[in-house]
Protein backbone atom coordinates (compact mmCIF):
# COMPACT_ATOMS: atom_id res chain seq x y z
CA UNK A 1 -22.64 53.75 83.60
CA UNK A 2 -25.25 52.26 81.31
CA UNK A 3 -28.53 50.65 82.20
CA UNK A 4 -29.03 47.06 81.10
CA UNK A 5 -32.48 46.31 79.67
CA UNK A 6 -33.76 42.75 79.28
CA UNK A 7 -36.60 42.01 76.86
CA UNK A 8 -37.82 38.41 77.10
CA UNK A 9 -39.35 36.08 74.56
CA UNK A 10 -42.84 36.59 76.01
CA UNK A 11 -42.54 40.21 74.79
CA UNK A 12 -41.33 39.13 71.34
CA UNK A 13 -44.39 37.28 70.13
CA UNK A 14 -44.72 38.64 66.59
CA UNK A 15 -43.51 41.34 64.27
CA UNK A 16 -45.67 43.99 65.97
CA UNK A 17 -43.61 43.46 69.13
CA UNK A 18 -40.83 45.51 67.53
CA UNK A 19 -42.85 48.67 68.11
CA UNK A 20 -43.25 47.83 71.80
CA UNK A 21 -39.50 47.39 72.14
CA UNK A 22 -39.01 50.80 70.55
CA UNK A 23 -41.45 52.30 73.06
CA UNK A 24 -39.51 50.72 75.92
CA UNK A 25 -36.04 51.90 74.92
CA UNK A 26 -37.41 55.38 74.12
CA UNK A 27 -38.15 55.79 77.85
CA UNK A 28 -34.45 56.10 78.65
CA UNK A 29 -32.42 59.28 78.41
CA UNK A 30 -29.04 57.58 78.91
CA UNK A 31 -27.11 54.83 77.08
CA UNK A 32 -28.53 51.34 77.35
CA UNK A 33 -27.49 47.79 76.56
CA UNK A 34 -30.53 45.84 75.38
CA UNK A 35 -30.29 42.08 75.98
CA UNK A 36 -32.84 40.07 74.02
CA UNK A 37 -34.24 36.54 73.95
CA UNK A 38 -35.40 34.57 70.94
CA UNK A 39 -38.90 35.27 69.65
CA UNK A 40 -41.45 33.37 71.71
CA UNK A 41 -41.50 29.66 71.04
CA UNK A 42 -38.50 29.61 68.67
CA UNK A 43 -36.07 27.94 71.10
CA UNK A 44 -38.59 25.14 71.67
CA UNK A 45 -38.87 24.72 67.92
CA UNK A 46 -35.10 24.32 67.65
CA UNK A 47 -34.94 21.81 70.49
CA UNK A 48 -37.87 19.77 69.20
CA UNK A 49 -36.34 19.54 65.74
CA UNK A 50 -32.77 18.59 66.62
CA UNK A 51 -33.81 16.08 69.30
CA UNK A 52 -35.83 14.05 66.82
CA UNK A 53 -33.78 11.00 65.81
CA UNK A 54 -32.86 10.62 62.17
CA UNK A 55 -33.29 14.05 60.59
CA UNK A 56 -34.04 13.55 56.89
CA UNK A 57 -32.82 15.90 54.18
CA UNK A 58 -36.42 16.80 53.32
CA UNK A 59 -37.25 17.54 56.96
CA UNK A 60 -34.20 19.79 57.18
CA UNK A 61 -35.16 21.65 54.01
CA UNK A 62 -38.73 22.12 55.27
CA UNK A 63 -37.46 23.38 58.62
CA UNK A 64 -35.18 25.97 57.03
CA UNK A 65 -37.94 27.09 54.66
CA UNK A 66 -40.41 27.50 57.54
CA UNK A 67 -37.86 29.48 59.52
CA UNK A 68 -37.29 31.89 56.66
CA UNK A 69 -41.04 32.35 56.26
CA UNK A 70 -41.32 33.32 59.93
CA UNK A 71 -39.10 36.35 59.41
CA UNK A 72 -40.22 37.40 55.93
CA UNK A 73 -43.23 39.47 57.17
CA UNK A 74 -40.91 41.35 59.55
CA UNK A 75 -38.63 42.41 56.71
CA UNK A 76 -41.50 43.22 54.36
CA UNK A 77 -43.73 45.11 56.80
CA UNK A 78 -41.34 46.85 59.19
CA UNK A 79 -38.41 48.05 57.14
CA UNK A 80 -39.23 51.00 54.91
CA UNK A 81 -35.62 52.16 54.59
CA UNK A 82 -34.41 50.10 51.62
CA UNK A 83 -30.74 50.40 52.55
CA UNK A 84 -31.30 49.11 56.10
CA UNK A 85 -33.70 46.46 54.80
CA UNK A 86 -31.18 45.16 52.26
CA UNK A 87 -28.47 45.00 54.90
CA UNK A 88 -30.55 43.16 57.53
CA UNK A 89 -31.83 40.66 54.95
CA UNK A 90 -28.26 40.04 53.78
CA UNK A 91 -27.04 39.46 57.35
CA UNK A 92 -30.03 37.23 58.08
CA UNK A 93 -29.28 35.13 54.98
CA UNK A 94 -25.65 34.67 56.09
CA UNK A 95 -26.77 33.45 59.51
CA UNK A 96 -29.35 31.16 57.96
CA UNK A 97 -26.65 29.65 55.74
CA UNK A 98 -24.45 29.01 58.77
CA UNK A 99 -27.38 27.50 60.66
CA UNK A 100 -28.18 25.26 57.70
CA UNK A 101 -24.55 24.07 57.69
CA UNK A 102 -24.80 23.16 61.36
CA UNK A 103 -28.08 21.31 60.85
CA UNK A 104 -26.65 19.47 57.86
CA UNK A 105 -23.67 18.39 59.98
CA UNK A 106 -26.08 17.04 62.59
CA UNK A 107 -28.04 15.17 59.92
CA UNK A 108 -24.92 13.57 58.46
CA UNK A 109 -23.59 12.61 61.89
CA UNK A 110 -26.91 11.03 62.82
CA UNK A 111 -26.76 12.75 66.21
CA UNK A 112 -26.41 16.19 67.74
CA UNK A 113 -23.41 16.34 70.08
CA UNK A 114 -23.42 18.84 72.93
CA UNK A 115 -21.21 21.42 71.21
CA UNK A 116 -23.39 21.38 68.10
CA UNK A 117 -26.67 21.57 69.99
CA UNK A 118 -25.58 24.66 71.92
CA UNK A 119 -24.48 26.48 68.79
CA UNK A 120 -27.67 25.61 66.91
CA UNK A 121 -30.06 26.78 69.63
CA UNK A 122 -28.15 30.08 69.98
CA UNK A 123 -29.55 31.20 66.63
CA UNK A 124 -32.94 32.21 68.04
CA UNK A 125 -31.22 35.00 69.98
CA UNK A 126 -28.87 35.80 67.08
CA UNK A 127 -31.87 36.47 64.84
CA UNK A 128 -33.58 38.63 67.48
CA UNK A 129 -30.57 40.88 68.08
CA UNK A 130 -30.00 41.33 64.35
CA UNK A 131 -33.60 42.30 63.63
CA UNK A 132 -34.02 44.57 66.64
CA UNK A 133 -30.77 46.46 66.12
CA UNK A 134 -31.75 47.16 62.51
CA UNK A 135 -35.31 48.18 63.41
CA UNK A 136 -34.18 50.52 66.19
CA UNK A 137 -31.64 52.10 63.84
CA UNK A 138 -34.34 52.67 61.27
CA UNK A 139 -36.33 54.37 64.04
CA UNK A 140 -33.47 56.81 64.59
CA UNK A 141 -32.36 55.37 67.94
CA UNK A 142 -28.79 54.45 66.89
CA UNK A 143 -28.19 50.92 68.22
CA UNK A 144 -25.27 48.66 67.32
CA UNK A 145 -25.49 44.86 67.52
CA UNK A 146 -22.85 43.21 69.73
CA UNK A 147 -22.35 39.44 69.61
CA UNK A 148 -20.80 37.49 72.51
CA UNK A 149 -17.92 36.30 70.28
CA UNK A 150 -17.07 39.94 69.46
CA UNK A 151 -17.45 41.14 73.03
CA UNK A 152 -15.34 38.46 74.71
CA UNK A 153 -18.03 36.92 76.94
CA UNK A 154 -16.09 33.96 78.36
CA UNK A 155 -17.82 30.97 79.98
CA UNK A 156 -16.63 27.97 81.97
CA UNK A 157 -17.19 25.79 78.90
CA UNK A 158 -20.00 23.66 80.32
CA UNK A 159 -22.51 22.78 77.63
CA UNK A 160 -26.26 23.36 78.21
CA UNK A 161 -25.77 25.09 81.60
CA UNK A 162 -22.69 27.30 81.39
CA UNK A 163 -21.64 30.08 83.74
CA UNK A 164 -19.80 33.25 82.78
CA UNK A 165 -16.28 33.76 84.07
CA UNK A 166 -16.87 37.32 85.24
CA UNK A 167 -13.24 37.96 86.19
CA UNK A 168 -12.12 37.12 82.64
CA UNK A 169 -15.06 38.78 80.89
CA UNK A 170 -15.27 42.11 82.73
CA UNK A 171 -12.21 43.64 81.12
CA UNK A 172 -13.32 42.55 77.66
CA UNK A 173 -16.77 44.06 78.10
CA UNK A 174 -15.52 47.34 79.52
CA UNK A 175 -13.14 47.70 76.59
CA UNK A 176 -15.78 46.84 74.00
CA UNK A 177 -18.77 48.88 75.15
CA UNK A 178 -18.36 52.60 74.61
CA UNK A 179 -20.02 54.66 77.38
CA UNK A 180 -22.12 56.88 75.10
CA UNK A 181 -23.38 54.22 72.68
CA UNK A 182 -26.44 51.96 72.65
CA UNK A 183 -26.17 48.22 71.96
CA UNK A 184 -28.37 45.19 71.30
CA UNK A 185 -26.92 41.90 72.57
CA UNK A 186 -28.29 38.36 72.16
CA UNK A 187 -28.71 36.68 75.52
CA UNK A 188 -28.61 32.98 76.40
CA UNK A 189 -25.05 32.14 75.35
CA UNK A 190 -21.35 32.93 75.58
CA UNK A 191 -18.17 31.27 74.38
CA UNK A 192 -15.71 28.99 76.12
CA UNK A 193 -12.03 29.90 76.10
CA UNK A 194 -11.51 27.64 73.10
CA UNK A 195 -14.28 29.41 71.16
CA UNK A 196 -17.16 26.94 71.55
CA UNK A 197 -20.69 28.33 71.99
CA UNK A 198 -22.14 27.35 75.38
CA UNK A 199 -25.66 28.25 76.49
CA UNK A 200 -26.85 29.17 79.98
CA UNK A 201 -29.88 26.87 80.16
CA UNK A 202 -33.54 27.54 79.50
CA UNK A 203 -34.44 31.10 80.42
CA UNK A 204 -30.74 31.93 80.57
CA UNK A 205 -31.08 35.31 78.85
CA UNK A 206 -32.00 36.79 82.25
CA UNK A 207 -28.69 35.50 83.57
CA UNK A 208 -26.90 37.00 80.54
CA UNK A 209 -28.38 40.39 81.29
CA UNK A 210 -27.33 40.15 84.95
CA UNK A 211 -23.77 39.33 83.86
CA UNK A 212 -23.65 42.39 81.62
CA UNK A 213 -24.95 44.54 84.47
CA UNK A 214 -22.29 43.22 86.85
CA UNK A 215 -19.39 43.45 84.38
CA UNK A 216 -20.31 46.97 83.25
CA UNK A 217 -21.18 48.15 86.79
CA UNK A 218 -24.59 49.26 85.56
CA UNK A 219 -26.97 51.50 87.45
CA UNK A 220 -29.62 48.79 87.30
CA UNK A 221 -30.88 45.75 85.46
CA UNK A 222 -34.32 46.62 84.07
CA UNK A 223 -36.39 43.57 83.18
CA UNK A 224 -39.49 44.18 81.05
CA UNK A 225 -42.12 41.45 81.42
CA UNK A 226 -45.77 41.07 80.49
CA UNK A 227 -46.95 41.10 84.14
CA UNK A 228 -46.97 43.63 87.00
CA UNK A 229 -43.83 42.35 88.70
CA UNK A 230 -43.92 39.89 91.59
CA UNK A 231 -47.24 39.18 93.29
CA UNK A 232 -48.25 37.46 96.51
CA UNK A 233 -49.36 34.55 94.33
CA UNK A 234 -50.37 33.53 90.84
CA UNK A 235 -53.35 35.71 89.79
CA UNK A 236 -54.49 32.84 87.58
CA UNK A 237 -55.04 30.70 90.68
CA UNK A 238 -55.56 32.99 93.67
CA UNK A 239 -58.21 35.54 94.56
CA UNK A 240 -56.89 39.12 94.58
CA UNK A 241 -53.12 38.63 95.04
CA UNK A 242 -51.25 41.77 96.05
CA UNK A 243 -48.30 43.37 94.30
CA UNK A 244 -44.87 43.08 95.96
CA UNK A 245 -42.91 46.34 95.77
CA UNK A 246 -39.66 45.14 97.36
CA UNK A 247 -37.83 41.82 97.48
CA UNK A 248 -34.37 40.82 98.62
CA UNK A 249 -32.08 38.99 96.22
CA UNK A 250 -32.62 35.78 98.19
CA UNK A 251 -36.41 36.06 98.17
CA UNK A 252 -36.43 36.67 94.42
CA UNK A 253 -34.10 33.74 93.78
CA UNK A 254 -36.19 31.35 95.86
CA UNK A 255 -39.47 32.48 94.31
CA UNK A 256 -37.95 31.95 90.86
CA UNK A 257 -36.57 28.54 91.81
CA UNK A 258 -39.87 27.37 93.24
CA UNK A 259 -41.99 28.38 90.27
CA UNK A 260 -42.60 32.12 89.93
CA UNK A 261 -42.12 32.82 86.20
CA UNK A 262 -40.58 36.27 86.50
CA UNK A 263 -36.81 35.74 86.53
CA UNK A 264 -34.42 32.88 85.93
CA UNK A 265 -33.26 31.67 89.39
CA UNK A 266 -29.61 32.45 88.57
CA UNK A 267 -30.27 36.09 87.69
CA UNK A 268 -29.34 37.42 91.13
CA UNK A 269 -25.97 35.58 91.26
CA UNK A 270 -23.83 38.17 89.45
CA UNK A 271 -25.60 41.15 91.04
CA UNK A 272 -25.40 40.42 94.77
CA UNK A 273 -21.75 41.33 95.28
CA UNK A 274 -22.06 44.44 93.14
CA UNK A 275 -25.30 45.51 94.84
CA UNK A 276 -26.97 46.32 91.53
CA UNK A 277 -30.79 46.48 91.79
CA UNK A 278 -33.17 44.62 89.51
CA UNK A 279 -36.24 46.62 88.48
CA UNK A 280 -39.30 44.82 87.07
CA UNK A 281 -41.52 46.65 84.57
CA UNK A 282 -44.54 45.67 82.47
CA UNK A 283 -44.12 46.44 78.76
CA UNK A 284 -47.92 46.60 78.45
CA UNK A 285 -47.83 49.66 80.71
CA UNK A 286 -45.06 51.71 79.17
CA UNK A 287 -47.15 54.82 79.88
CA UNK A 288 -46.17 54.48 83.57
CA UNK A 289 -42.69 55.54 82.58
CA UNK A 290 -39.72 54.21 84.53
CA UNK A 291 -41.69 53.41 87.69
CA UNK A 292 -40.98 49.75 88.46
CA UNK A 293 -43.59 47.40 89.89
CA UNK A 294 -40.98 45.48 91.91
CA UNK A 295 -37.44 46.38 92.99
CA UNK A 296 -35.04 43.62 94.01
CA UNK A 297 -31.97 44.65 95.99
CA UNK A 298 -29.76 43.68 98.89
CA UNK A 299 -31.83 45.44 101.54
CA UNK A 300 -34.31 42.98 103.07
CA UNK A 301 -37.70 44.53 103.70
CA UNK A 302 -39.57 42.60 106.38
CA UNK A 303 -43.30 42.28 105.89
CA UNK A 304 -45.44 42.18 109.06
CA UNK A 305 -47.10 39.08 107.59
CA UNK A 306 -43.64 37.49 107.13
CA UNK A 307 -44.81 35.56 104.06
CA UNK A 308 -44.59 37.71 100.95
CA UNK A 309 -45.63 35.20 98.32
CA UNK A 310 -46.71 31.61 97.75
CA UNK A 311 -45.75 29.83 94.57
CA UNK A 312 -45.70 26.35 93.08
CA UNK A 313 -44.18 24.15 90.43
CA UNK A 314 -45.48 20.93 88.89
CA UNK A 315 -44.06 17.91 87.06
CA UNK A 316 -42.12 16.71 90.08
CA UNK A 317 -41.91 13.47 91.99
CA UNK A 318 -39.99 11.64 94.69
CA UNK A 319 -37.65 8.68 94.33
CA UNK A 320 -37.29 6.84 97.65
CA UNK A 321 -34.58 4.34 98.58
CA UNK A 322 -35.62 2.19 101.56
CA UNK A 323 -33.73 -0.10 103.93
CA UNK A 324 -32.70 -0.45 107.60
CA UNK A 325 -30.19 2.28 108.36
CA UNK A 326 -30.01 3.42 104.73
CA UNK A 327 -30.01 7.07 105.79
CA UNK A 328 -26.87 6.78 107.93
CA UNK A 329 -24.80 4.16 106.11
CA UNK A 330 -21.74 5.89 104.60
CA UNK A 331 -21.53 6.07 100.82
CA UNK A 332 -25.05 5.12 99.75
CA UNK A 333 -26.25 8.64 99.02
CA UNK A 334 -22.91 9.58 97.43
CA UNK A 335 -22.99 6.59 95.05
CA UNK A 336 -26.54 7.30 93.91
CA UNK A 337 -26.06 11.04 93.44
CA UNK A 338 -22.83 10.47 91.50
CA UNK A 339 -24.59 8.16 89.04
CA UNK A 340 -27.51 10.56 88.66
CA UNK A 341 -25.06 13.37 87.88
CA UNK A 342 -23.45 11.24 85.18
CA UNK A 343 -26.87 10.87 83.57
CA UNK A 344 -27.52 14.64 83.85
CA UNK A 345 -30.42 14.07 86.23
CA UNK A 346 -30.79 17.09 88.49
CA UNK A 347 -31.61 16.51 92.17
CA UNK A 348 -33.79 19.32 93.48
CA UNK A 349 -33.80 18.24 97.13
CA UNK A 350 -32.75 15.36 99.42
CA UNK A 351 -34.37 14.35 102.69
CA UNK A 352 -33.07 11.42 104.72
CA UNK A 353 -34.34 9.40 107.68
CA UNK A 354 -33.01 6.29 109.41
CA UNK A 355 -34.79 3.99 106.96
CA UNK A 356 -35.23 6.07 103.79
CA UNK A 357 -33.59 8.52 101.41
CA UNK A 358 -36.04 10.61 99.37
CA UNK A 359 -34.85 12.50 96.30
CA UNK A 360 -36.95 15.21 94.68
CA UNK A 361 -36.62 14.96 90.88
CA UNK A 362 -38.29 16.17 87.72
CA UNK A 363 -41.13 13.82 86.88
CA UNK A 364 -39.54 12.82 83.54
CA UNK A 365 -36.44 11.60 85.41
CA UNK A 366 -38.22 9.35 87.94
CA UNK A 367 -38.40 6.13 85.94
CA UNK A 368 -34.82 6.24 84.53
CA UNK A 369 -33.48 7.17 87.98
CA UNK A 370 -35.33 4.26 89.62
CA UNK A 371 -34.05 1.83 86.96
CA UNK A 372 -30.52 3.12 87.44
CA UNK A 373 -30.72 2.70 91.22
CA UNK A 374 -32.03 -0.87 90.85
CA UNK A 375 -29.24 -1.74 88.41
CA UNK A 376 -26.66 -0.52 90.93
CA UNK A 377 -27.83 -3.24 93.36
CA UNK A 378 -26.53 -1.36 96.42
CA UNK A 379 -26.25 -3.43 99.60
CA UNK A 380 -28.58 -2.04 102.25
CA UNK A 381 -31.31 -0.87 99.89
CA UNK A 382 -34.27 -3.22 100.15
CA UNK A 383 -36.82 -1.33 98.06
CA UNK A 384 -36.93 1.47 95.50
CA UNK A 385 -40.13 3.26 94.58
CA UNK A 386 -41.25 6.57 93.19
CA UNK A 387 -44.32 8.79 93.35
CA UNK A 388 -45.32 11.15 90.54
CA UNK A 389 -48.12 13.69 90.02
CA UNK A 390 -46.84 15.92 92.80
CA UNK A 391 -46.66 19.70 93.13
CA UNK A 392 -44.12 21.61 95.17
CA UNK A 393 -45.47 24.60 97.09
CA UNK A 394 -43.27 27.26 98.67
CA UNK A 395 -44.05 30.11 101.05
CA UNK A 396 -41.36 32.77 100.81
CA UNK A 397 -40.44 35.74 102.98
CA UNK A 398 -37.60 37.23 105.01
CA UNK A 399 -37.91 36.15 108.65
CA UNK A 400 -39.73 32.88 107.93
CA UNK A 401 -37.28 30.99 110.18
CA UNK A 402 -37.21 33.58 112.95
CA UNK A 403 -40.90 34.32 113.40
CA UNK A 404 -42.57 31.77 115.73
CA UNK A 405 -45.64 29.99 114.44
CA UNK A 406 -45.23 30.60 110.71
CA UNK A 407 -44.87 26.92 109.81
CA UNK A 408 -47.75 26.01 112.12
CA UNK A 409 -50.04 28.51 110.39
CA UNK A 410 -49.05 27.19 106.95
CA UNK A 411 -49.72 23.55 107.71
CA UNK A 412 -52.83 24.26 109.77
CA UNK A 413 -54.30 26.17 106.82
CA UNK A 414 -53.55 23.24 104.52
CA UNK A 415 -54.94 20.72 107.03
CA UNK A 416 -58.24 22.61 107.22
CA UNK A 417 -58.72 21.74 103.55
CA UNK A 418 -58.01 18.07 104.38
CA UNK A 419 -54.94 18.11 102.12
CA UNK A 420 -52.21 15.58 102.80
CA UNK A 421 -48.61 16.87 102.84
CA UNK A 422 -46.35 14.26 101.23
CA UNK A 423 -42.95 15.71 102.17
CA UNK A 424 -41.71 18.96 103.71
CA UNK A 425 -38.53 20.93 104.33
CA UNK A 426 -38.15 23.71 106.88
CA UNK A 427 -34.75 25.28 107.47
CA UNK A 428 -32.98 24.45 104.20
CA UNK A 429 -33.61 28.02 103.06
CA UNK A 430 -33.52 31.12 105.26
CA UNK A 431 -36.51 32.60 103.48
CA UNK A 432 -38.63 29.66 102.31
CA UNK A 433 -40.74 26.78 103.58
CA UNK A 434 -41.57 24.21 100.94
CA UNK A 435 -43.57 21.00 100.80
CA UNK A 436 -45.17 18.53 98.40
CA UNK A 437 -48.83 17.76 97.85
CA UNK A 438 -50.73 15.71 95.26
CA UNK A 439 -51.08 17.74 92.11
CA UNK A 440 -54.87 17.84 92.29
CA UNK A 441 -54.58 19.56 95.70
CA UNK A 442 -52.22 22.31 94.52
CA UNK A 443 -54.69 25.13 93.92
CA UNK A 444 -56.64 24.54 97.12
CA UNK A 445 -53.43 24.46 99.15
CA UNK A 446 -52.15 27.69 97.60
CA UNK A 447 -55.46 29.42 98.24
CA UNK A 448 -55.54 28.20 101.84
CA UNK A 449 -52.06 29.55 102.62
CA UNK A 450 -52.67 32.83 100.80
CA UNK A 451 -55.94 33.39 102.65
CA UNK A 452 -54.22 32.67 105.97
CA UNK A 453 -51.54 35.33 105.49
CA UNK A 454 -53.34 37.82 103.24
CA UNK A 455 -56.74 38.07 104.86
CA UNK A 456 -58.82 40.89 103.42
């Protein structure tokens, strides 16, 4: 069984990052499958370009030229073997030509349909896997590049947020990957059954790596980040957060969902049934060897403090529908959520009372969602309003629902700082308590909760 290694975009910042990747893979004395993201910032560049209305021919030419210039120093400065250099440059040129064709199609159409957008943004990862496979080969490490279309990585066909059909993909992957060989694979995308590229959403390369681990029955999924694994809080905000050595799958998923920037929230999905652990390393500390900072597995470790970490996410708000009995009248919530789904507006949470339905949404979706709800003119809704500039805070730990007094301690700590809680949920998750505060109160609230549970 191989080990799956995930190298994220934060570790692929510039051409010198190639040497760090080589250091990482050199730690292993067994076959590995290396899943890579696009170089840092490249996916955003793709999205920003194709989502601008009316792409001109000159703008397209400038974009392609700039993209080529980004990779030129890598080829010039990091490939001394002329044969390998000529081959990687040739393959890069072919991919650039295909990408230019796709961008030209978008320009001529005057829009970028879903199928075209997903294929275009997959090229950040395609460039990374090409370059890294060639560089590692030059370094004598014998890696082959494997693309999802060659492997048979089959998705459900949903654009922008696809899922892998593991039952259909497992056999393909086991047949393709030879047990004694090393591979580099681009993350972030697979192909539908009819051959269309579909991506897994922002940060979806983590999910890709988890899928490969599950399908290949790997020993572990090793994720190399630029931080020391999971902490009891954000070290950029809190005083002296502690390192977390063990997390359950559920704790890791909730921390990721509520704002911890370590893993994509969907990473644990393919691994839970297989019981494959996730090990978090820091590529800046390769000298530690294969000693992970955090291990995530299906064996809950209860902390005497109950709360293991506090985290937060911004750019959220609440849309509230008000009216007598609105929370219990059949069909109101269903009608609103159906229309929001049609507009691809994601609902993060719903809380209802007798006279109100509150929906937690991304801040950018508040105004269009409110306008949509008003246009629906639903009988029973008397008022529609929204509140922005909110932060969601979550306290996460196994046993949070079972241990008496945890919620009281959280909200008492926040109250001491005279911080108003705008909305709360307790019981929706087995391992998390979450609530909303005004954004300007976020840091003080996080510090108050952390100090309550992690007193020095």
